[in-house]
């Protein structure tokens, strides 16, 4: 289980981008504006990998550049992003990995402005019932992964995301009990490994 999020961070997906219709482009713009305007979020999450392994925990976001995934025991993983780095910490092994935020799929949550075009290539837009999803990747960074963002259509709300590697393996994450726009203690985005010794 400790490697579930490591898989999430490192999955890659490459594929040709299809031309979007005018209606799809309008939906992408609406979702882009929503993400750009999103400042803070607190939520619970559940993560499921391709083997059916389930992990859950608490999620905090303060855009730009700050997030925290605190996994519930027995999963020992903590993810903290602040500034330009994302920290992946294993409390049990006392191992810390520092990653550039732009080198992980977390870029879609952490960037200051969500830009479609030169920086992000949208590969697919899909509507199913009350939900709409967009699959996107960083332009020129195909090896760093792609992500399918899933939104409730009306009112618009990010409810999760899915990543799929070239072999078809998936990691899915869903967000529940969301609160947006509130104050979040900035200490949550500090990483101090000594707190877990």
C-alpha atoms as a PDB file:
ATOM      1  CA  UNK A   1       0.000   0.000   0.000  1.00  0.00           C
ATOM      2  CA  UNK A   2       2.841   2.422   0.696  1.00  0.00           C
ATOM      3  CA  UNK A   3       3.650   2.553  -2.985  1.00  0.00           C
ATOM      4  CA  UNK A   4       0.125   3.386  -4.126  1.00  0.00           C
ATOM      5  CA  UNK A   5       0.734   7.136  -4.237  1.00  0.00           C
ATOM      6  CA  UNK A   6       4.202   6.680  -5.688  1.00  0.00           C
ATOM      7  CA  UNK A   7       2.444   4.947  -8.582  1.00  0.00           C
ATOM      8  CA  UNK A   8       0.000   7.851  -8.753  1.00  0.00           C
ATOM      9  CA  UNK A   9       2.852  10.330  -9.031  1.00  0.00           C
ATOM     10  CA  UNK A  10       4.834   8.438 -11.634  1.00  0.00           C
ATOM     11  CA  UNK A  11       2.236   6.987 -14.003  1.00  0.00           C
ATOM     12  CA  UNK A  12       2.602   8.033 -17.608  1.00  0.00           C
ATOM     13  CA  UNK A  13       0.166   8.178 -20.483  1.00  0.00           C
ATOM     14  CA  UNK A  14       0.940   9.208 -24.026  1.00  0.00           C
ATOM     15  CA  UNK A  15      -1.409   9.445 -26.945  1.00  0.00           C
ATOM     16  CA  UNK A  16      -2.435  11.630 -29.839  1.00  0.00           C
ATOM     17  CA  UNK A  17      -4.655  14.593 -29.088  1.00  0.00           C
ATOM     18  CA  UNK A  18      -7.924  14.729 -31.003  1.00  0.00           C
ATOM     19  CA  UNK A  19      -9.430  17.994 -32.227  1.00  0.00           C
ATOM     20  CA  UNK A  20     -12.189  19.280 -29.949  1.00  0.00           C
ATOM     21  CA  UNK A  21     -15.569  20.494 -31.111  1.00  0.00           C
ATOM     22  CA  UNK A  22     -16.716  24.031 -30.323  1.00  0.00           C
ATOM     23  CA  UNK A  23     -19.033  22.676 -27.603  1.00  0.00           C
ATOM     24  CA  UNK A  24     -16.173  20.699 -26.053  1.00  0.00           C
ATOM     25  CA  UNK A  25     -13.911  23.737 -26.128  1.00  0.00           C
ATOM     26  CA  UNK A  26     -16.603  25.734 -24.325  1.00  0.00           C
ATOM     27  CA  UNK A  27     -16.828  23.043 -21.615  1.00  0.00           C
ATOM     28  CA  UNK A  28     -13.049  22.996 -21.244  1.00  0.00           C
ATOM     29  CA  UNK A  29     -13.015  26.767 -20.782  1.00  0.00           C
ATOM     30  CA  UNK A  30     -15.734  26.547 -18.129  1.00  0.00           C
ATOM     31  CA  UNK A  31     -13.791  23.872 -16.226  1.00  0.00           C
ATOM     32  CA  UNK A  32     -10.525  25.780 -16.642  1.00  0.00           C
ATOM     33  CA  UNK A  33     -12.102  28.901 -15.149  1.00  0.00           C
ATOM     34  CA  UNK A  34     -13.445  26.862 -12.220  1.00  0.00           C
ATOM     35  CA  UNK A  35     -10.017  25.391 -11.443  1.00  0.00           C
ATOM     36  CA  UNK A  36      -8.317  28.778 -11.769  1.00  0.00           C
ATOM     37  CA  UNK A  37     -10.824  30.356  -9.363  1.00  0.00           C
ATOM     38  CA  UNK A  38     -10.512  27.502  -6.849  1.00  0.00           C
ATOM     39  CA  UNK A  39      -8.443  28.783  -3.934  1.00  0.00           C
ATOM     40  CA  UNK A  40      -8.870  26.354  -1.038  1.00  0.00           C
ATOM     41  CA  UNK A  41     -10.372  22.926  -0.507  1.00  0.00           C
ATOM     42  CA  UNK A  42     -10.625  20.469   2.369  1.00  0.00           C
ATOM     43  CA  UNK A  43     -11.963  16.988   1.637  1.00  0.00           C
ATOM     44  CA  UNK A  44     -11.734  13.322   2.432  1.00  0.00           C
ATOM     45  CA  UNK A  45     -10.430  11.060  -0.308  1.00  0.00           C
ATOM     46  CA  UNK A  46     -10.490   7.428  -1.324  1.00  0.00           C
ATOM     47  CA  UNK A  47      -7.893   6.032  -3.699  1.00  0.00           C
ATOM     48  CA  UNK A  48      -8.174   2.715  -5.555  1.00  0.00           C
ATOM     49  CA  UNK A  49      -5.425   1.166  -7.650  1.00  0.00           C
ATOM     50  CA  UNK A  50      -5.666  -1.334 -10.479  1.00  0.00           C
ATOM     51  CA  UNK A  51      -5.423  -4.282  -8.055  1.00  0.00           C
ATOM     52  CA  UNK A  52      -8.324  -3.053  -5.949  1.00  0.00           C
ATOM     53  CA  UNK A  53      -6.128  -1.795  -3.102  1.00  0.00           C
ATOM     54  CA  UNK A  54      -7.923   0.996  -1.257  1.00  0.00           C
ATOM     55  CA  UNK A  55      -6.394   3.887   0.649  1.00  0.00           C
ATOM     56  CA  UNK A  56      -8.177   6.831   2.250  1.00  0.00           C
ATOM     57  CA  UNK A  57      -7.376   9.986   4.133  1.00  0.00           C
ATOM     58  CA  UNK A  58      -7.681  13.758   4.326  1.00  0.00           C
ATOM     59  CA  UNK A  59      -6.834  16.259   1.614  1.00  0.00           C
ATOM     60  CA  UNK A  60      -6.091  19.973   1.850  1.00  0.00           C
ATOM     61  CA  UNK A  61      -5.432  22.370  -1.016  1.00  0.00           C
ATOM     62  CA  UNK A  62      -4.424  26.017  -1.045  1.00  0.00           C
ATOM     63  CA  UNK A  63      -3.708  27.232  -4.533  1.00  0.00           C
ATOM     64  CA  UNK A  64      -1.225  27.935  -5.868  1.00  0.00           C
ATOM     65  CA  UNK A  65       1.554  25.482  -4.962  1.00  0.00           C
ATOM     66  CA  UNK A  66       0.239  24.006  -1.689  1.00  0.00           C
ATOM     67  CA  UNK A  67      -1.462  20.709  -0.939  1.00  0.00           C
ATOM     68  CA  UNK A  68      -1.400  17.899   1.599  1.00  0.00           C
ATOM     69  CA  UNK A  69      -2.508  14.253   1.426  1.00  0.00           C
ATOM     70  CA  UNK A  70      -2.588  12.673   4.904  1.00  0.00           C
ATOM     71  CA  UNK A  71      -3.253   8.946   4.551  1.00  0.00           C
ATOM     72  CA  UNK A  72      -5.178   7.025   7.192  1.00  0.00           C
ATOM     73  CA  UNK A  73      -3.313   4.251   9.076  1.00  0.00           C
ATOM     74  CA  UNK A  74      -1.968   1.746   8.343  1.00  0.00           C
ATOM     75  CA  UNK A  75      -0.813   3.559   5.185  1.00  0.00           C
ATOM     76  CA  UNK A  76       2.351   5.466   6.215  1.00  0.00           C
ATOM     77  CA  UNK A  77       2.432   7.936   3.318  1.00  0.00           C
ATOM     78  CA  UNK A  78       2.325  11.726   3.654  1.00  0.00           C
ATOM     79  CA  UNK A  79       2.368  14.058   0.642  1.00  0.00           C
ATOM     80  CA  UNK A  80       3.057  17.766   1.130  1.00  0.00           C
ATOM     81  CA  UNK A  81       3.542  20.408  -1.548  1.00  0.00           C
ATOM     82  CA  UNK A  82       4.695  23.931  -0.908  1.00  0.00           C
ATOM     83  CA  UNK A  83       6.618  26.241  -3.193  1.00  0.00           C
ATOM     84  CA  UNK A  84       8.044  24.397  -6.190  1.00  0.00           C
ATOM     85  CA  UNK A  85       8.522  20.959  -4.598  1.00  0.00           C
ATOM     86  CA  UNK A  86       6.295  18.047  -3.706  1.00  0.00           C
ATOM     87  CA  UNK A  87       7.456  15.881  -0.791  1.00  0.00           C
ATOM     88  CA  UNK A  88       6.628  12.154  -0.649  1.00  0.00           C
ATOM     89  CA  UNK A  89       7.350  10.896   2.882  1.00  0.00           C
ATOM     90  CA  UNK A  90       7.093   7.328   4.191  1.00  0.00           C
ATOM     91  CA  UNK A  91       6.673   7.564   7.971  1.00  0.00           C
ATOM     92  CA  UNK A  92       7.363   3.870   8.494  1.00  0.00           C
ATOM     93  CA  UNK A  93      10.614   3.766   6.514  1.00  0.00           C
ATOM     94  CA  UNK A  94      11.540   7.367   7.322  1.00  0.00           C
ATOM     95  CA  UNK A  95      12.241   7.965   3.630  1.00  0.00           C
ATOM     96  CA  UNK A  96      11.726  11.318   1.932  1.00  0.00           C
ATOM     97  CA  UNK A  97      11.603  12.034  -1.790  1.00  0.00           C
ATOM     98  CA  UNK A  98      11.513  15.556  -3.195  1.00  0.00           C
ATOM     99  CA  UNK A  99       9.924  16.015  -6.610  1.00  0.00           C
ATOM    100  CA  UNK A 100       9.515  19.087  -8.775  1.00  0.00           C
ATOM    101  CA  UNK A 101       5.786  19.862  -8.843  1.00  0.00           C
ATOM    102  CA  UNK A 102       5.898  20.202 -12.630  1.00  0.00           C
ATOM    103  CA  UNK A 103       7.233  16.647 -12.898  1.00  0.00           C
ATOM    104  CA  UNK A 104       4.136  15.122 -11.266  1.00  0.00           C
ATOM    105  CA  UNK A 105       0.452  14.999 -12.232  1.00  0.00           C
ATOM    106  CA  UNK A 106      -0.180  17.379  -9.310  1.00  0.00           C
ATOM    107  CA  UNK A 107       0.544  20.254 -11.705  1.00  0.00           C
ATOM    108  CA  UNK A 108      -3.143  20.621 -12.558  1.00  0.00           C
ATOM    109  CA  UNK A 109      -3.970  21.518  -8.934  1.00  0.00           C
ATOM    110  CA  UNK A 110      -0.885  23.525  -8.064  1.00  0.00           C
ATOM    111  CA  UNK A 111      -0.263  25.868 -10.979  1.00  0.00           C
ATOM    112  CA  UNK A 112      -1.003  29.544 -10.457  1.00  0.00           C
ATOM    113  CA  UNK A 113      -3.057  29.820 -13.639  1.00  0.00           C
ATOM    114  CA  UNK A 114      -4.605  26.833 -15.396  1.00  0.00           C
ATOM    115  CA  UNK A 115      -3.741  27.453 -19.039  1.00  0.00           C
ATOM    116  CA  UNK A 116      -5.135  25.461 -21.933  1.00  0.00           C
ATOM    117  CA  UNK A 117      -3.173  25.534 -25.179  1.00  0.00           C
ATOM    118  CA  UNK A 118       0.571  25.958 -25.036  1.00  0.00           C
ATOM    119  CA  UNK A 119       1.018  24.397 -21.594  1.00  0.00           C
ATOM    120  CA  UNK A 120      -1.809  21.841 -21.405  1.00  0.00           C
ATOM    121  CA  UNK A 121      -3.135  19.649 -24.191  1.00  0.00           C
ATOM    122  CA  UNK A 122      -6.699  18.374 -23.785  1.00  0.00           C
ATOM    123  CA  UNK A 123      -7.021  14.937 -25.347  1.00  0.00           C
ATOM    124  CA  UNK A 124     -10.668  14.116 -24.641  1.00  0.00           C
ATOM    125  CA  UNK A 125     -13.892  15.580 -23.246  1.00  0.00           C
ATOM    126  CA  UNK A 126     -16.638  13.191 -22.152  1.00  0.00           C
ATOM    127  CA  UNK A 127     -20.115  13.768 -20.687  1.00  0.00           C
ATOM    128  CA  UNK A 128     -21.921  10.983 -18.812  1.00  0.00           C
ATOM    129  CA  UNK A 129     -25.081  11.803 -16.896  1.00  0.00           C
ATOM    130  CA  UNK A 130     -24.401  14.439 -14.247  1.00  0.00           C
ATOM    131  CA  UNK A 131     -20.618  14.239 -14.771  1.00  0.00           C
ATOM    132  CA  UNK A 132     -18.123  15.555 -17.269  1.00  0.00           C
ATOM    133  CA  UNK A 133     -14.485  14.558 -17.586  1.00  0.00           C
ATOM    134  CA  UNK A 134     -11.498  15.948 -19.422  1.00  0.00           C
ATOM    135  CA  UNK A 135      -8.269  14.098 -20.134  1.00  0.00           C
ATOM    136  CA  UNK A 136      -5.240  16.362 -20.342  1.00  0.00           C
ATOM    137  CA  UNK A 137      -1.476  16.301 -20.203  1.00  0.00           C
ATOM    138  CA  UNK A 138       1.296  18.850 -20.010  1.00  0.00           C
ATOM    139  CA  UNK A 139       2.354  19.703 -23.534  1.00  0.00           C
ATOM    140  CA  UNK A 140       5.803  18.298 -24.240  1.00  0.00           C
ATOM    141  CA  UNK A 141       5.811  16.250 -21.024  1.00  0.00           C
ATOM    142  CA  UNK A 142       4.094  13.107 -22.230  1.00  0.00           C
ATOM    143  CA  UNK A 143       6.396  10.936 -20.121  1.00  0.00           C
ATOM    144  CA  UNK A 144       5.298  12.764 -16.943  1.00  0.00           C
ATOM    145  CA  UNK A 145       1.738  11.495 -17.139  1.00  0.00           C
ATOM    146  CA  UNK A 146      -1.759  12.470 -18.129  1.00  0.00           C
ATOM    147  CA  UNK A 147      -4.833  12.786 -15.999  1.00  0.00           C
ATOM    148  CA  UNK A 148      -8.593  12.564 -16.409  1.00  0.00           C
ATOM    149  CA  UNK A 149     -10.321  15.134 -14.218  1.00  0.00           C
ATOM    150  CA  UNK A 150     -13.894  14.306 -13.235  1.00  0.00           C
ATOM    151  CA  UNK A 151     -16.385  17.070 -12.432  1.00  0.00           C
ATOM    152  CA  UNK A 152     -19.996  17.261 -11.396  1.00  0.00           C
ATOM    153  CA  UNK A 153     -21.513  19.272 -14.224  1.00  0.00           C
ATOM    154  CA  UNK A 154     -24.063  21.487 -12.469  1.00  0.00           C
ATOM    155  CA  UNK A 155     -23.182  22.962 -10.104  1.00  0.00           C
ATOM    156  CA  UNK A 156     -19.608  22.500 -11.213  1.00  0.00           C
ATOM    157  CA  UNK A 157     -17.398  20.673  -8.711  1.00  0.00           C
ATOM    158  CA  UNK A 158     -14.198  18.660  -8.991  1.00  0.00           C
ATOM    159  CA  UNK A 159     -15.040  15.211  -7.623  1.00  0.00           C
ATOM    160  CA  UNK A 160     -11.892  13.256  -8.462  1.00  0.00           C
ATOM    161  CA  UNK A 161      -9.429  12.128 -11.066  1.00  0.00           C
ATOM    162  CA  UNK A 162      -8.096   9.033 -12.777  1.00  0.00           C
ATOM    163  CA  UNK A 163      -4.672   8.186 -14.195  1.00  0.00           C
ATOM    164  CA  UNK A 164      -4.001   5.357 -16.615  1.00  0.00           C
ATOM    165  CA  UNK A 165      -0.616   4.061 -17.716  1.00  0.00           C
ATOM    166  CA  UNK A 166       0.233   2.727 -21.162  1.00  0.00           C
ATOM    167  CA  UNK A 167      -0.597  -0.839 -20.046  1.00  0.00           C
ATOM    168  CA  UNK A 168      -4.113   0.224 -19.024  1.00  0.00           C
ATOM    169  CA  UNK A 169      -3.461   0.205 -15.258  1.00  0.00           C
ATOM    170  CA  UNK A 170      -5.436   2.833 -13.385  1.00  0.00           C
ATOM    171  CA  UNK A 171      -5.289   4.748 -10.125  1.00  0.00           C
ATOM    172  CA  UNK A 172      -8.574   6.453  -9.247  1.00  0.00           C
ATOM    173  CA  UNK A 173      -9.118   9.061  -6.547  1.00  0.00           C
ATOM    174  CA  UNK A 174     -12.477  10.421  -5.407  1.00  0.00           C
ATOM    175  CA  UNK A 175     -13.120  13.457  -3.197  1.00  0.00           C
ATOM    176  CA  UNK A 176     -16.015  13.676  -0.745  1.00  0.00           C
ATOM    177  CA  UNK A 177     -17.171  15.972   2.090  1.00  0.00           C
ATOM    178  CA  UNK A 178     -15.657  18.956   0.328  1.00  0.00           C
ATOM    179  CA  UNK A 179     -15.412  22.437   1.783  1.00  0.00           C
ATOM    180  CA  UNK A 180     -14.078  25.174  -0.470  1.00  0.00           C
ATOM    181  CA  UNK A 181     -13.128  28.809  -0.002  1.00  0.00           C
ATOM    182  CA  UNK A 182     -12.356  28.582   3.715  1.00  0.00           C
ATOM    183  CA  UNK A 183      -9.268  29.351   5.751  1.00  0.00           C
ATOM    184  CA  UNK A 184      -6.656  26.595   6.099  1.00  0.00           C
ATOM    185  CA  UNK A 185      -3.883  26.583   8.697  1.00  0.00           C
ATOM    186  CA  UNK A 186      -0.651  27.279   6.740  1.00  0.00           C
ATOM    187  CA  UNK A 187       1.205  24.907   9.086  1.00  0.00           C
ATOM    188  CA  UNK A 188      -0.455  22.000   7.281  1.00  0.00           C
ATOM    189  CA  UNK A 189       1.767  22.714   4.293  1.00  0.00           C
ATOM    190  CA  UNK A 190       5.003  22.601   6.254  1.00  0.00           C
ATOM    191  CA  UNK A 191       7.019  19.384   6.183  1.00  0.00           C
ATOM    192  CA  UNK A 192       8.893  18.517   9.362  1.00  0.00           C
ATOM    193  CA  UNK A 193       9.973  14.852   9.384  1.00  0.00           C
ATOM    194  CA  UNK A 194      11.046  15.136  13.024  1.00  0.00           C
ATOM    195  CA  UNK A 195       7.346  15.278  13.933  1.00  0.00           C
ATOM    196  CA  UNK A 196       7.095  11.588  12.988  1.00  0.00           C
ATOM    197  CA  UNK A 197      10.184  10.272  14.757  1.00  0.00           C
END
